[in-house]
Amino acid sequence: MRALYALFFVILLVSCEEKKEDGKIYLPESNGNLNSISVVVDNDLWDGKVGGTIRNIFAAPLNGLPVPEPMFKIRQIPPQVFDGFATRSRIILKIEKGNLKPTTEIVNDAFAKPQTVAVIGGKTDEEIISQLQENKAKIIDVYNKEEVKEKQRRINLSLLDDAKMESKLGFTINVPSAYRISKETDDFFWLRKNLSNSKTIELMIYEVPLETISKGDSTIVDIVKMRDKITKTEIPGEDGIYMSVEDAYAPSMFETIIDNKPAYEVRGIWEMNGFTMAGPFITYAIEDKVNKRFFIADGYVYAPSLNKSEYVFELESIIKSIQIK
């Protein structure tokens, strides 16, 4: 634990050097691009198996994209230069070799605010690698929550006036003002954001009865069937052209929580039947027992030749702001 104690001493030292008013300590604002990790680790470890493990975990391809894009962008910082501005990254992974026993700690607002620091300690490379493997899901989860929170903060600076939609479907959502409502009915809304040269980010909001989605092995089949029906009937193209989930790319499904309610998250690839168009989608089916429905928020991207992970992340952050009345 000696290395961790050393880290906490540094944290205390840095904090105490910040501006004080009325006896309170004020941390500087964190910085950095979204979904970018500062990895504080010795060069020798970074060039060896420890660095390889870090890259394999945190730069792994994101689910549901047509071409591989990393989950996080990674920047390595040697401990000797981890000082000043470098300590203000919003998400940090710090590797400490030489601890008496293997350990993983999550520290919030250590050098700046908001900030999440994961500290991995071990006496040997093998112990550090083991800690990374055993705790990767937890670390990725806290990093993702920090970045979603930051993206939502930026979104909230300028919001779309969508009171009519929220009133009809009994919920609230924070959507950037760059989006517009392209179609609305009593129980279906289609929102769009233009990027450039016909590239778009789009979001469908609707509801289905609880019995539409079963629980078990057929859950993902039910969600795909539901999505295909909605896209074919609500946003059809000309001459029988319509969107559907691409059969050649099996979508991934995860269980999650939105607005303290159980939800299914599905990521995959959509294609346009009868026309050469395709892209990633992300669907959330939120179980709303009080209103006897699944509340569906489904976002998708059409952006050929562009990286798409940042657009899917924007949709994820928008959807995770949902609160059901």
C-alpha atoms as a PDB file:
ATOM      1  CA  MET A   1       0.000   0.000   0.000  1.00  0.00           C
ATOM      2  CA  ARG A   2       2.992   2.319   0.245  1.00  0.00           C
ATOM      3  CA  ALA A   3       2.619   3.533  -3.335  1.00  0.00           C
ATOM      4  CA  LEU A   4      -1.051   4.315  -2.754  1.00  0.00           C
ATOM      5  CA  TYR A   5      -0.190   6.250   0.386  1.00  0.00           C
ATOM      6  CA  ALA A   6       2.356   8.166  -1.717  1.00  0.00           C
ATOM      7  CA  LEU A   7      -0.334   8.947  -4.283  1.00  0.00           C
ATOM      8  CA  PHE A   8      -2.758  10.192  -1.647  1.00  0.00           C
ATOM      9  CA  PHE A   9       0.028  12.355  -0.194  1.00  0.00           C
ATOM     10  CA  VAL A  10       0.560  13.898  -3.624  1.00  0.00           C
ATOM     11  CA  ILE A  11      -3.196  14.430  -3.927  1.00  0.00           C
ATOM     12  CA  LEU A  12      -3.260  16.187  -0.568  1.00  0.00           C
ATOM     13  CA  LEU A  13      -0.242  18.283  -1.493  1.00  0.00           C
ATOM     14  CA  VAL A  14      -1.699  19.379  -4.814  1.00  0.00           C
ATOM     15  CA  SER A  15      -5.079  20.096  -3.256  1.00  0.00           C
ATOM     16  CA  CYS A  16      -3.574  22.208  -0.521  1.00  0.00           C
ATOM     17  CA  GLU A  17      -1.802  24.351  -3.098  1.00  0.00           C
ATOM     18  CA  GLU A  18      -5.097  25.305  -4.740  1.00  0.00           C
ATOM     19  CA  LYS A  19      -6.846  28.589  -4.022  1.00  0.00           C
ATOM     20  CA  LYS A  20      -8.511  28.739  -0.629  1.00  0.00           C
ATOM     21  CA  GLU A  21     -11.466  30.887   0.342  1.00  0.00           C
ATOM     22  CA  ASP A  22     -13.208  30.749   3.706  1.00  0.00           C
ATOM     23  CA  GLY A  23     -11.124  27.715   4.616  1.00  0.00           C
ATOM     24  CA  LYS A  24     -12.397  25.722   1.621  1.00  0.00           C
ATOM     25  CA  ILE A  25     -10.216  24.049  -1.010  1.00  0.00           C
ATOM     26  CA  TYR A  26     -11.131  24.711  -4.635  1.00  0.00           C
ATOM     27  CA  LEU A  27      -9.900  22.251  -7.261  1.00  0.00           C
ATOM     28  CA  PRO A  28      -9.278  23.403 -10.843  1.00  0.00           C
ATOM     29  CA  GLU A  29     -11.631  22.296 -13.610  1.00  0.00           C
ATOM     30  CA  SER A  30     -10.741  19.057 -15.334  1.00  0.00           C
ATOM     31  CA  ASN A  31     -10.084  19.009 -19.072  1.00  0.00           C
ATOM     32  CA  GLY A  32      -9.554  16.719 -22.024  1.00  0.00           C
ATOM     33  CA  ASN A  33     -11.362  15.346 -25.033  1.00  0.00           C
ATOM     34  CA  LEU A  34     -14.284  13.032 -24.412  1.00  0.00           C
ATOM     35  CA  ASN A  35     -13.433   9.347 -23.988  1.00  0.00           C
ATOM     36  CA  SER A  36      -9.686   9.994 -23.722  1.00  0.00           C
ATOM     37  CA  ILE A  37      -7.686   8.355 -20.925  1.00  0.00           C
ATOM     38  CA  SER A  38      -4.421   9.667 -19.513  1.00  0.00           C
ATOM     39  CA  VAL A  39      -2.400   6.587 -18.515  1.00  0.00           C
ATOM     40  CA  VAL A  40       0.271   7.385 -15.933  1.00  0.00           C
ATOM     41  CA  VAL A  41       2.795   4.554 -16.178  1.00  0.00           C
ATOM     42  CA  ASP A  42       6.559   4.053 -16.486  1.00  0.00           C
ATOM     43  CA  ASN A  43       7.881   3.759 -20.035  1.00  0.00           C
ATOM     44  CA  ASP A  44       9.223   0.253 -19.398  1.00  0.00           C
ATOM     45  CA  LEU A  45       5.816  -0.975 -18.248  1.00  0.00           C
ATOM     46  CA  TRP A  46       4.060   0.786 -21.123  1.00  0.00           C
ATOM     47  CA  ASP A  47       6.337  -0.874 -23.680  1.00  0.00           C
ATOM     48  CA  GLY A  48       5.837  -4.314 -22.126  1.00  0.00           C
ATOM     49  CA  LYS A  49       2.984  -6.658 -21.234  1.00  0.00           C
ATOM     50  CA  VAL A  50       1.326  -4.159 -18.882  1.00  0.00           C
ATOM     51  CA  GLY A  51       0.989  -1.580 -21.660  1.00  0.00           C
ATOM     52  CA  GLY A  52      -0.257  -4.239 -24.040  1.00  0.00           C
ATOM     53  CA  THR A  53      -2.956  -5.256 -21.563  1.00  0.00           C
ATOM     54  CA  ILE A  54      -4.016  -1.631 -21.064  1.00  0.00           C
ATOM     55  CA  ARG A  55      -4.349  -1.130 -24.824  1.00  0.00           C
ATOM     56  CA  ASN A  56      -6.214  -4.414 -25.290  1.00  0.00           C
ATOM     57  CA  ILE A  57      -8.753  -3.457 -22.606  1.00  0.00           C
ATOM     58  CA  PHE A  58      -9.331   0.261 -23.033  1.00  0.00           C
ATOM     59  CA  ALA A  59      -8.641   0.644 -26.765  1.00  0.00           C
ATOM     60  CA  ALA A  60     -10.674  -2.430 -27.680  1.00  0.00           C
ATOM     61  CA  PRO A  61     -13.095  -1.968 -30.614  1.00  0.00           C
ATOM     62  CA  LEU A  62     -16.430  -0.476 -29.600  1.00  0.00           C
ATOM     63  CA  ASN A  63     -19.436  -2.740 -30.112  1.00  0.00           C
ATOM     64  CA  GLY A  64     -21.831  -2.062 -32.971  1.00  0.00           C
ATOM     65  CA  LEU A  65     -19.666  -0.079 -35.411  1.00  0.00           C
ATOM     66  CA  PRO A  66     -19.164  -1.023 -39.076  1.00  0.00           C
ATOM     67  CA  VAL A  67     -15.384  -0.536 -38.834  1.00  0.00           C
ATOM     68  CA  PRO A  68     -13.259  -0.840 -35.675  1.00  0.00           C
ATOM     69  CA  GLU A  69     -12.937   2.276 -33.516  1.00  0.00           C
ATOM     70  CA  PRO A  70     -11.405   2.241 -30.022  1.00  0.00           C
ATOM     71  CA  MET A  71     -13.546   2.439 -26.909  1.00  0.00           C
ATOM     72  CA  PHE A  72     -11.167   5.090 -25.501  1.00  0.00           C
ATOM     73  CA  LYS A  73      -8.284   7.069 -26.943  1.00  0.00           C
ATOM     74  CA  ILE A  74      -5.177   6.601 -24.813  1.00  0.00           C
ATOM     75  CA  ARG A  75      -2.304   8.943 -23.979  1.00  0.00           C
ATOM     76  CA  GLN A  76       0.629   7.666 -21.932  1.00  0.00           C
ATOM     77  CA  ILE A  77       2.277   9.990 -19.405  1.00  0.00           C
ATOM     78  CA  PRO A  78       5.472   8.957 -17.547  1.00  0.00           C
ATOM     79  CA  PRO A  79       5.143   9.584 -13.778  1.00  0.00           C
ATOM     80  CA  GLN A  80       8.109  11.977 -13.895  1.00  0.00           C
ATOM     81  CA  VAL A  81       6.114  14.492 -15.950  1.00  0.00           C
ATOM     82  CA  PHE A  82       2.719  13.898 -14.361  1.00  0.00           C
ATOM     83  CA  ASP A  83       2.399  17.353 -12.883  1.00  0.00           C
ATOM     84  CA  GLY A  84       0.514  20.618 -13.296  1.00  0.00           C
ATOM     85  CA  PHE A  85      -1.803  20.708 -16.315  1.00  0.00           C
ATOM     86  CA  ALA A  86      -1.269  16.982 -16.988  1.00  0.00           C
ATOM     87  CA  THR A  87      -2.985  16.076 -13.702  1.00  0.00           C
ATOM     88  CA  ARG A  88      -6.250  17.744 -14.768  1.00  0.00           C
ATOM     89  CA  SER A  89      -7.410  15.090 -17.247  1.00  0.00           C
ATOM     90  CA  ARG A  90     -10.992  14.043 -16.534  1.00  0.00           C
ATOM     91  CA  ILE A  91     -10.250  10.303 -16.544  1.00  0.00           C
ATOM     92  CA  ILE A  92      -6.882   8.911 -15.458  1.00  0.00           C
ATOM     93  CA  LEU A  93      -5.435   5.409 -15.107  1.00  0.00           C
ATOM     94  CA  LYS A  94      -2.431   5.336 -12.758  1.00  0.00           C
ATOM     95  CA  ILE A  95      -0.191   2.273 -12.540  1.00  0.00           C
ATOM     96  CA  GLU A  96       1.830   1.809  -9.325  1.00  0.00           C
ATOM     97  CA  LYS A  97       4.404  -1.004  -9.240  1.00  0.00           C
ATOM     98  CA  GLY A  98       5.871  -2.007  -5.885  1.00  0.00           C
ATOM     99  CA  ASN A  99       2.828  -2.305  -3.621  1.00  0.00           C
ATOM    100  CA  LEU A 100       2.915  -4.898  -0.882  1.00  0.00           C
ATOM    101  CA  LYS A 101      -0.219  -6.493  -2.274  1.00  0.00           C
ATOM    102  CA  PRO A 102      -2.318  -6.192  -5.451  1.00  0.00           C
ATOM    103  CA  THR A 103      -4.946  -3.465  -5.264  1.00  0.00           C
ATOM    104  CA  THR A 104      -7.390  -1.404  -7.324  1.00  0.00           C
ATOM    105  CA  GLU A 105      -8.757   1.910  -6.063  1.00  0.00           C
ATOM    106  CA  ILE A 106     -11.145   4.425  -7.629  1.00  0.00           C
ATOM    107  CA  VAL A 107     -10.497   8.023  -6.521  1.00  0.00           C
ATOM    108  CA  ASN A 108     -12.864  10.878  -7.384  1.00  0.00           C
ATOM    109  CA  ASP A 109     -11.786  14.507  -7.845  1.00  0.00           C
ATOM    110  CA  ALA A 110      -8.169  13.822  -6.915  1.00  0.00           C
ATOM    111  CA  PHE A 111      -6.402  16.631  -8.783  1.00  0.00           C
ATOM    112  CA  ALA A 112      -9.309  18.398 -10.523  1.00  0.00           C
ATOM    113  CA  LYS A 113     -13.100  18.402 -10.645  1.00  0.00           C
ATOM    114  CA  PRO A 114     -14.879  16.442 -11.988  1.00  0.00           C
ATOM    115  CA  GLN A 115     -12.373  13.621 -12.297  1.00  0.00           C
ATOM    116  CA  THR A 116     -12.139   9.845 -11.963  1.00  0.00           C
ATOM    117  CA  VAL A 117      -8.766   8.228 -11.236  1.00  0.00           C
ATOM    118  CA  ALA A 118      -8.302   4.449 -11.243  1.00  0.00           C
ATOM    119  CA  VAL A 119      -5.148   3.411  -9.351  1.00  0.00           C
ATOM    120  CA  ILE A 120      -3.820  -0.079 -10.072  1.00  0.00           C
ATOM    121  CA  GLY A 121      -1.100  -1.454  -7.818  1.00  0.00           C
ATOM    122  CA  GLY A 122       0.960  -4.627  -7.761  1.00  0.00           C
ATOM    123  CA  LYS A 123       4.384  -5.939  -6.827  1.00  0.00           C
ATOM    124  CA  THR A 124       4.970  -7.548 -10.222  1.00  0.00           C
ATOM    125  CA  ASP A 125       3.827  -7.073 -13.799  1.00  0.00           C
ATOM    126  CA  GLU A 126       1.685 -10.191 -13.469  1.00  0.00           C
ATOM    127  CA  GLU A 127      -0.131  -8.826 -10.407  1.00  0.00           C
ATOM    128  CA  ILE A 128      -0.834  -5.524 -12.178  1.00  0.00           C
ATOM    129  CA  ILE A 129      -2.130  -7.348 -15.264  1.00  0.00           C
ATOM    130  CA  SER A 130      -4.336  -9.526 -13.046  1.00  0.00           C
ATOM    131  CA  GLN A 131      -5.804  -6.444 -11.362  1.00  0.00           C
ATOM    132  CA  LEU A 132      -6.506  -4.854 -14.730  1.00  0.00           C
ATOM    133  CA  GLN A 133      -8.266  -7.974 -16.003  1.00  0.00           C
ATOM    134  CA  GLU A 134     -10.286  -8.559 -12.839  1.00  0.00           C
ATOM    135  CA  ASN A 135     -11.467  -4.956 -12.542  1.00  0.00           C
ATOM    136  CA  LYS A 136     -11.756  -3.862 -16.175  1.00  0.00           C
ATOM    137  CA  ALA A 137     -15.566  -3.905 -16.217  1.00  0.00           C
ATOM    138  CA  LYS A 138     -15.760  -1.739 -13.091  1.00  0.00           C
ATOM    139  CA  ILE A 139     -13.170   0.738 -14.375  1.00  0.00           C
ATOM    140  CA  ILE A 140     -14.769   1.046 -17.822  1.00  0.00           C
ATOM    141  CA  ASP A 141     -18.147   1.595 -16.163  1.00  0.00           C
ATOM    142  CA  VAL A 142     -16.939   4.476 -13.952  1.00  0.00           C
ATOM    143  CA  TYR A 143     -15.070   6.054 -16.869  1.00  0.00           C
ATOM    144  CA  ASN A 144     -18.151   5.814 -19.078  1.00  0.00           C
ATOM    145  CA  LYS A 145     -20.362   7.382 -16.411  1.00  0.00           C
ATOM    146  CA  GLU A 146     -17.918  10.274 -16.010  1.00  0.00           C
ATOM    147  CA  GLU A 147     -17.834  10.915 -19.749  1.00  0.00           C
ATOM    148  CA  VAL A 148     -21.617  10.641 -20.168  1.00  0.00           C
ATOM    149  CA  LYS A 149     -22.005  13.153 -17.357  1.00  0.00           C
ATOM    150  CA  GLU A 150     -19.595  15.541 -19.078  1.00  0.00           C
ATOM    151  CA  LYS A 151     -21.313  15.130 -22.456  1.00  0.00           C
ATOM    152  CA  GLN A 152     -24.682  15.801 -20.834  1.00  0.00           C
ATOM    153  CA  ARG A 153     -23.270  18.946 -19.230  1.00  0.00           C
ATOM    154  CA  ARG A 154     -22.270  20.206 -22.671  1.00  0.00           C
ATOM    155  CA  ILE A 155     -25.626  19.234 -24.165  1.00  0.00           C
ATOM    156  CA  ASN A 156     -27.476  21.143 -21.457  1.00  0.00           C
ATOM    157  CA  LEU A 157     -25.880  24.418 -22.564  1.00  0.00           C
ATOM    158  CA  SER A 158     -28.387  24.635 -25.430  1.00  0.00           C
ATOM    159  CA  LEU A 159     -31.495  22.441 -25.440  1.00  0.00           C
ATOM    160  CA  LEU A 160     -34.233  21.728 -27.963  1.00  0.00           C
ATOM    161  CA  ASP A 161     -37.717  22.888 -27.034  1.00  0.00           C
ATOM    162  CA  ASP A 162     -39.443  19.482 -27.004  1.00  0.00           C
ATOM    163  CA  ALA A 163     -42.155  20.076 -24.391  1.00  0.00           C
ATOM    164  CA  LYS A 164     -44.900  18.822 -26.717  1.00  0.00           C
ATOM    165  CA  MET A 165     -43.143  15.500 -27.291  1.00  0.00           C
ATOM    166  CA  GLU A 166     -42.399  15.073 -23.597  1.00  0.00           C
ATOM    167  CA  SER A 167     -45.998  15.800 -22.667  1.00  0.00           C
ATOM    168  CA  LYS A 168     -47.434  13.291 -25.143  1.00  0.00           C
ATOM    169  CA  LEU A 169     -45.193  10.411 -24.059  1.00  0.00           C
ATOM    170  CA  GLY A 170     -44.881  11.302 -20.372  1.00  0.00           C
ATOM    171  CA  PHE A 171     -41.132  11.730 -19.991  1.00  0.00           C
ATOM    172  CA  THR A 172     -38.302  14.244 -20.077  1.00  0.00           C
ATOM    173  CA  ILE A 173     -35.137  14.159 -22.162  1.00  0.00           C
ATOM    174  CA  ASN A 174     -32.309  16.607 -22.840  1.00  0.00           C
ATOM    175  CA  VAL A 175     -31.740  16.952 -26.584  1.00  0.00           C
ATOM    176  CA  PRO A 176     -29.297  19.481 -28.110  1.00  0.00           C
ATOM    177  CA  SER A 177     -30.893  22.391 -29.940  1.00  0.00           C
ATOM    178  CA  ALA A 178     -29.099  21.300 -33.136  1.00  0.00           C
ATOM    179  CA  TYR A 179     -31.714  18.551 -33.531  1.00  0.00           C
ATOM    180  CA  ARG A 180     -35.147  19.094 -35.047  1.00  0.00           C
ATOM    181  CA  ILE A 181     -38.357  17.053 -34.857  1.00  0.00           C
ATOM    182  CA  SER A 182     -38.983  15.699 -38.367  1.00  0.00           C
ATOM    183  CA  LYS A 183     -42.053  13.591 -37.643  1.00  0.00           C
ATOM    184  CA  GLU A 184     -44.508  13.386 -34.767  1.00  0.00           C
ATOM    185  CA  THR A 185     -47.628  11.386 -34.015  1.00  0.00           C
ATOM    186  CA  ASP A 186     -49.365  10.615 -30.738  1.00  0.00           C
ATOM    187  CA  ASP A 187     -46.873   7.850 -29.907  1.00  0.00           C
ATOM    188  CA  PHE A 188     -43.876   8.259 -32.247  1.00  0.00           C
ATOM    189  CA  PHE A 189     -41.310  11.022 -32.668  1.00  0.00           C
ATOM    190  CA  TRP A 190     -38.414  11.193 -35.123  1.00  0.00           C
ATOM    191  CA  LEU A 191     -35.619  13.690 -34.438  1.00  0.00           C
ATOM    192  CA  ARG A 192     -32.728  14.517 -36.765  1.00  0.00           C
ATOM    193  CA  LYS A 193     -29.454  16.429 -36.700  1.00  0.00           C
ATOM    194  CA  ASN A 194     -27.669  17.307 -39.939  1.00  0.00           C
ATOM    195  CA  LEU A 195     -23.898  16.921 -40.013  1.00  0.00           C
ATOM    196  CA  SER A 196     -22.674  17.658 -43.554  1.00  0.00           C
ATOM    197  CA  ASN A 197     -23.220  16.390 -47.099  1.00  0.00           C
ATOM    198  CA  SER A 198     -26.424  14.501 -46.211  1.00  0.00           C
ATOM    199  CA  LYS A 199     -24.823  12.889 -43.146  1.00  0.00           C
ATOM    200  CA  THR A 200     -27.164  12.744 -40.140  1.00  0.00           C
ATOM    201  CA  ILE A 201     -27.671  11.616 -36.552  1.00  0.00           C
ATOM    202  CA  GLU A 202     -31.231  10.495 -35.902  1.00  0.00           C
ATOM    203  CA  LEU A 203     -33.311   9.524 -32.877  1.00  0.00           C
ATOM    204  CA  MET A 204     -36.642   7.704 -32.664  1.00  0.00           C
ATOM    205  CA  ILE A 205     -38.763   7.905 -29.495  1.00  0.00           C
ATOM    206  CA  TYR A 206     -41.819   5.665 -29.058  1.00  0.00           C
ATOM    207  CA  GLU A 207     -43.543   3.163 -26.779  1.00  0.00           C
ATOM    208  CA  VAL A 208     -44.720  -0.442 -27.110  1.00  0.00           C
ATOM    209  CA  PRO A 209     -46.780  -2.708 -24.820  1.00  0.00           C
ATOM    210  CA  LEU A 210     -44.838  -4.702 -22.219  1.00  0.00           C
ATOM    211  CA  GLU A 211     -45.688  -7.982 -23.930  1.00  0.00           C
ATOM    212  CA  THR A 212     -43.828  -6.853 -27.079  1.00  0.00           C
ATOM    213  CA  ILE A 213     -40.485  -7.811 -25.508  1.00  0.00           C
ATOM    214  CA  SER A 214     -40.151 -11.122 -23.681  1.00  0.00           C
ATOM    215  CA  LYS A 215     -37.475 -11.894 -21.095  1.00  0.00           C
ATOM    216  CA  GLY A 216     -35.086 -14.700 -21.924  1.00  0.00           C
ATOM    217  CA  ASP A 217     -33.305 -16.084 -24.955  1.00  0.00           C
ATOM    218  CA  SER A 218     -35.675 -14.372 -27.385  1.00  0.00           C
ATOM    219  CA  THR A 219     -35.330 -10.842 -25.931  1.00  0.00           C
ATOM    220  CA  ILE A 220     -32.925  -9.591 -28.576  1.00  0.00           C
ATOM    221  CA  VAL A 221     -35.003 -11.241 -31.331  1.00  0.00           C
ATOM    222  CA  ASP A 222     -38.093  -9.389 -30.071  1.00  0.00           C
ATOM    223  CA  ILE A 223     -36.251  -6.063 -29.998  1.00  0.00           C
ATOM    224  CA  VAL A 224     -34.888  -6.491 -33.537  1.00  0.00           C
ATOM    225  CA  LYS A 225     -38.337  -7.509 -34.805  1.00  0.00           C
ATOM    226  CA  MET A 226     -39.889  -4.483 -33.071  1.00  0.00           C
ATOM    227  CA  ARG A 227     -37.267  -2.128 -34.510  1.00  0.00           C
ATOM    228  CA  ASP A 228     -37.643  -3.457 -38.041  1.00  0.00           C
ATOM    229  CA  LYS A 229     -41.411  -3.003 -37.875  1.00  0.00           C
ATOM    230  CA  ILE A 230     -41.105   0.598 -36.651  1.00  0.00           C
ATOM    231  CA  THR A 231     -38.512   1.668 -39.225  1.00  0.00           C
ATOM    232  CA  LYS A 232     -40.496   0.062 -42.061  1.00  0.00           C
ATOM    233  CA  THR A 233     -43.828   1.638 -41.121  1.00  0.00           C
ATOM    234  CA  GLU A 234     -42.823   4.988 -39.578  1.00  0.00           C
ATOM    235  CA  ILE A 235     -39.892   6.142 -41.747  1.00  0.00           C
ATOM    236  CA  PRO A 236     -40.215   4.326 -45.085  1.00  0.00           C
ATOM    237  CA  GLY A 237     -38.326   5.494 -48.150  1.00  0.00           C
ATOM    238  CA  GLU A 238     -39.499   5.803 -51.729  1.00  0.00           C
ATOM    239  CA  ASP A 239     -40.213   2.802 -53.972  1.00  0.00           C
ATOM    240  CA  GLY A 240     -40.434   0.337 -51.104  1.00  0.00           C
ATOM    241  CA  ILE A 241     -37.039   1.219 -49.623  1.00  0.00           C
ATOM    242  CA  TYR A 242     -36.862   0.756 -45.845  1.00  0.00           C
ATOM    243  CA  MET A 243     -34.383   0.341 -42.995  1.00  0.00           C
ATOM    244  CA  SER A 244     -33.751  -2.924 -41.151  1.00  0.00           C
ATOM    245  CA  VAL A 245     -31.170  -4.499 -38.853  1.00  0.00           C
ATOM    246  CA  GLU A 246     -28.358  -6.017 -40.914  1.00  0.00           C
ATOM    247  CA  ASP A 247     -28.493  -9.824 -40.766  1.00  0.00           C
ATOM    248  CA  ALA A 248     -24.781 -10.291 -41.409  1.00  0.00           C
ATOM    249  CA  TYR A 249     -23.795  -8.440 -38.223  1.00  0.00           C
ATOM    250  CA  ALA A 250     -25.234  -9.948 -35.049  1.00  0.00           C
ATOM    251  CA  PRO A 251     -26.264  -7.127 -32.674  1.00  0.00           C
ATOM    252  CA  SER A 252     -25.020  -7.116 -29.084  1.00  0.00           C
ATOM    253  CA  MET A 253     -27.352  -6.792 -26.095  1.00  0.00           C
ATOM    254  CA  PHE A 254     -26.604  -5.681 -22.528  1.00  0.00           C
ATOM    255  CA  GLU A 255     -28.737  -5.162 -19.448  1.00  0.00           C
ATOM    256  CA  THR A 256     -28.504  -1.706 -17.891  1.00  0.00           C
ATOM    257  CA  ILE A 257     -30.370   0.832 -15.747  1.00  0.00           C
ATOM    258  CA  ILE A 258     -31.928   4.104 -16.942  1.00  0.00           C
ATOM    259  CA  ASP A 259     -33.903   6.352 -14.599  1.00  0.00           C
ATOM    260  CA  ASN A 260     -33.652   3.605 -11.941  1.00  0.00           C
ATOM    261  CA  LYS A 261     -35.509   1.241 -14.258  1.00  0.00           C
ATOM    262  CA  PRO A 262     -34.238  -1.973 -15.877  1.00  0.00           C
ATOM    263  CA  ALA A 263     -33.452  -1.556 -19.548  1.00  0.00           C
ATOM    264  CA  TYR A 264     -32.004  -3.430 -22.494  1.00  0.00           C
ATOM    265  CA  GLU A 265     -29.251  -1.845 -24.582  1.00  0.00           C
ATOM    266  CA  VAL A 266     -28.804  -3.181 -28.122  1.00  0.00           C
ATOM    267  CA  ARG A 267     -26.000  -2.104 -30.478  1.00  0.00           C
ATOM    268  CA  GLY A 268     -25.705  -3.161 -34.090  1.00  0.00           C
ATOM    269  CA  ILE A 269     -25.671  -2.177 -37.745  1.00  0.00           C
ATOM    270  CA  TRP A 270     -28.654  -1.030 -39.814  1.00  0.00           C
ATOM    271  CA  GLU A 271     -28.917  -1.211 -43.582  1.00  0.00           C
ATOM    272  CA  MET A 272     -31.306   0.181 -46.165  1.00  0.00           C
ATOM    273  CA  ASN A 273     -33.141  -2.479 -48.133  1.00  0.00           C
ATOM    274  CA  GLY A 274     -33.154  -1.459 -51.782  1.00  0.00           C
ATOM    275  CA  PHE A 275     -30.470   1.213 -51.436  1.00  0.00           C
ATOM    276  CA  THR A 276     -26.783   1.344 -50.508  1.00  0.00           C
ATOM    277  CA  MET A 277     -26.875   2.924 -47.054  1.00  0.00           C
ATOM    278  CA  ALA A 278     -25.849   1.595 -43.636  1.00  0.00           C
ATOM    279  CA  GLY A 279     -24.531   2.627 -40.234  1.00  0.00           C
ATOM    280  CA  PRO A 280     -24.584   1.921 -36.506  1.00  0.00           C
ATOM    281  CA  PHE A 281     -27.603   2.045 -34.213  1.00  0.00           C
ATOM    282  CA  ILE A 282     -28.129   1.967 -30.460  1.00  0.00           C
ATOM    283  CA  THR A 283     -31.503   1.003 -28.994  1.00  0.00           C
ATOM    284  CA  TYR A 284     -32.648   1.272 -25.385  1.00  0.00           C
ATOM    285  CA  ALA A 285     -35.828  -0.488 -24.246  1.00  0.00           C
ATOM    286  CA  ILE A 286     -36.737   0.828 -20.787  1.00  0.00           C
ATOM    287  CA  GLU A 287     -39.174  -1.247 -18.745  1.00  0.00           C
ATOM    288  CA  ASP A 288     -41.917   1.073 -17.483  1.00  0.00           C
ATOM    289  CA  LYS A 289     -44.193  -1.150 -15.391  1.00  0.00           C
ATOM    290  CA  VAL A 290     -46.195   1.763 -13.984  1.00  0.00           C
ATOM    291  CA  ASN A 291     -47.370   2.743 -17.469  1.00  0.00           C
ATOM    292  CA  LYS A 292     -47.452  -0.890 -18.719  1.00  0.00           C
ATOM    293  CA  ARG A 293     -45.041  -0.258 -21.570  1.00  0.00           C
ATOM    294  CA  PHE A 294     -41.507  -0.444 -22.806  1.00  0.00           C
ATOM    295  CA  PHE A 295     -40.298   3.074 -23.506  1.00  0.00           C
ATOM    296  CA  ILE A 296     -38.030   2.953 -26.567  1.00  0.00           C
ATOM    297  CA  ALA A 297     -35.255   5.370 -27.464  1.00  0.00           C
ATOM    298  CA  ASP A 298     -33.423   4.394 -30.636  1.00  0.00           C
ATOM    299  CA  GLY A 299     -30.610   6.356 -32.212  1.00  0.00           C
ATOM    300  CA  TYR A 300     -28.738   5.727 -35.438  1.00  0.00           C
ATOM    301  CA  VAL A 301     -26.066   7.382 -37.541  1.00  0.00           C
ATOM    302  CA  TYR A 302     -25.517   7.824 -41.265  1.00  0.00           C
ATOM    303  CA  ALA A 303     -22.015   9.199 -41.743  1.00  0.00           C
ATOM    304  CA  PRO A 304     -20.061   7.376 -44.455  1.00  0.00           C
ATOM    305  CA  SER A 305     -16.308   8.058 -44.467  1.00  0.00           C
ATOM    306  CA  LEU A 306     -16.465   9.510 -40.931  1.00  0.00           C
ATOM    307  CA  ASN A 307     -15.642   7.945 -37.574  1.00  0.00           C
ATOM    308  CA  LYS A 308     -18.936   7.245 -35.878  1.00  0.00           C
ATOM    309  CA  SER A 309     -18.128   6.462 -32.241  1.00  0.00           C
ATOM    310  CA  GLU A 310     -18.512  10.085 -31.102  1.00  0.00           C
ATOM    311  CA  TYR A 311     -21.966  10.298 -32.706  1.00  0.00           C
ATOM    312  CA  VAL A 312     -23.138   7.042 -31.128  1.00  0.00           C
ATOM    313  CA  PHE A 313     -21.806   8.331 -27.796  1.00  0.00           C
ATOM    314  CA  GLU A 314     -23.813  11.531 -28.241  1.00  0.00           C
ATOM    315  CA  LEU A 315     -26.964   9.467 -28.741  1.00  0.00           C
ATOM    316  CA  GLU A 316     -26.121   7.347 -25.698  1.00  0.00           C
ATOM    317  CA  SER A 317     -25.687  10.466 -23.557  1.00  0.00           C
ATOM    318  CA  ILE A 318     -28.968  11.966 -24.781  1.00  0.00           C
ATOM    319  CA  ILE A 319     -30.890   8.767 -24.122  1.00  0.00           C
ATOM    320  CA  LYS A 320     -29.398   8.332 -20.647  1.00  0.00           C
ATOM    321  CA  SER A 321     -30.895  11.702 -19.647  1.00  0.00           C
ATOM    322  CA  ILE A 322     -34.407  10.235 -19.919  1.00  0.00           C
ATOM    323  CA  GLN A 323     -36.679  10.425 -16.900  1.00  0.00           C
ATOM    324  CA  ILE A 324     -40.123   8.818 -17.110  1.00  0.00           C
ATOM    325  CA  LYS A 325     -43.041  10.491 -15.386  1.00  0.00           C
END
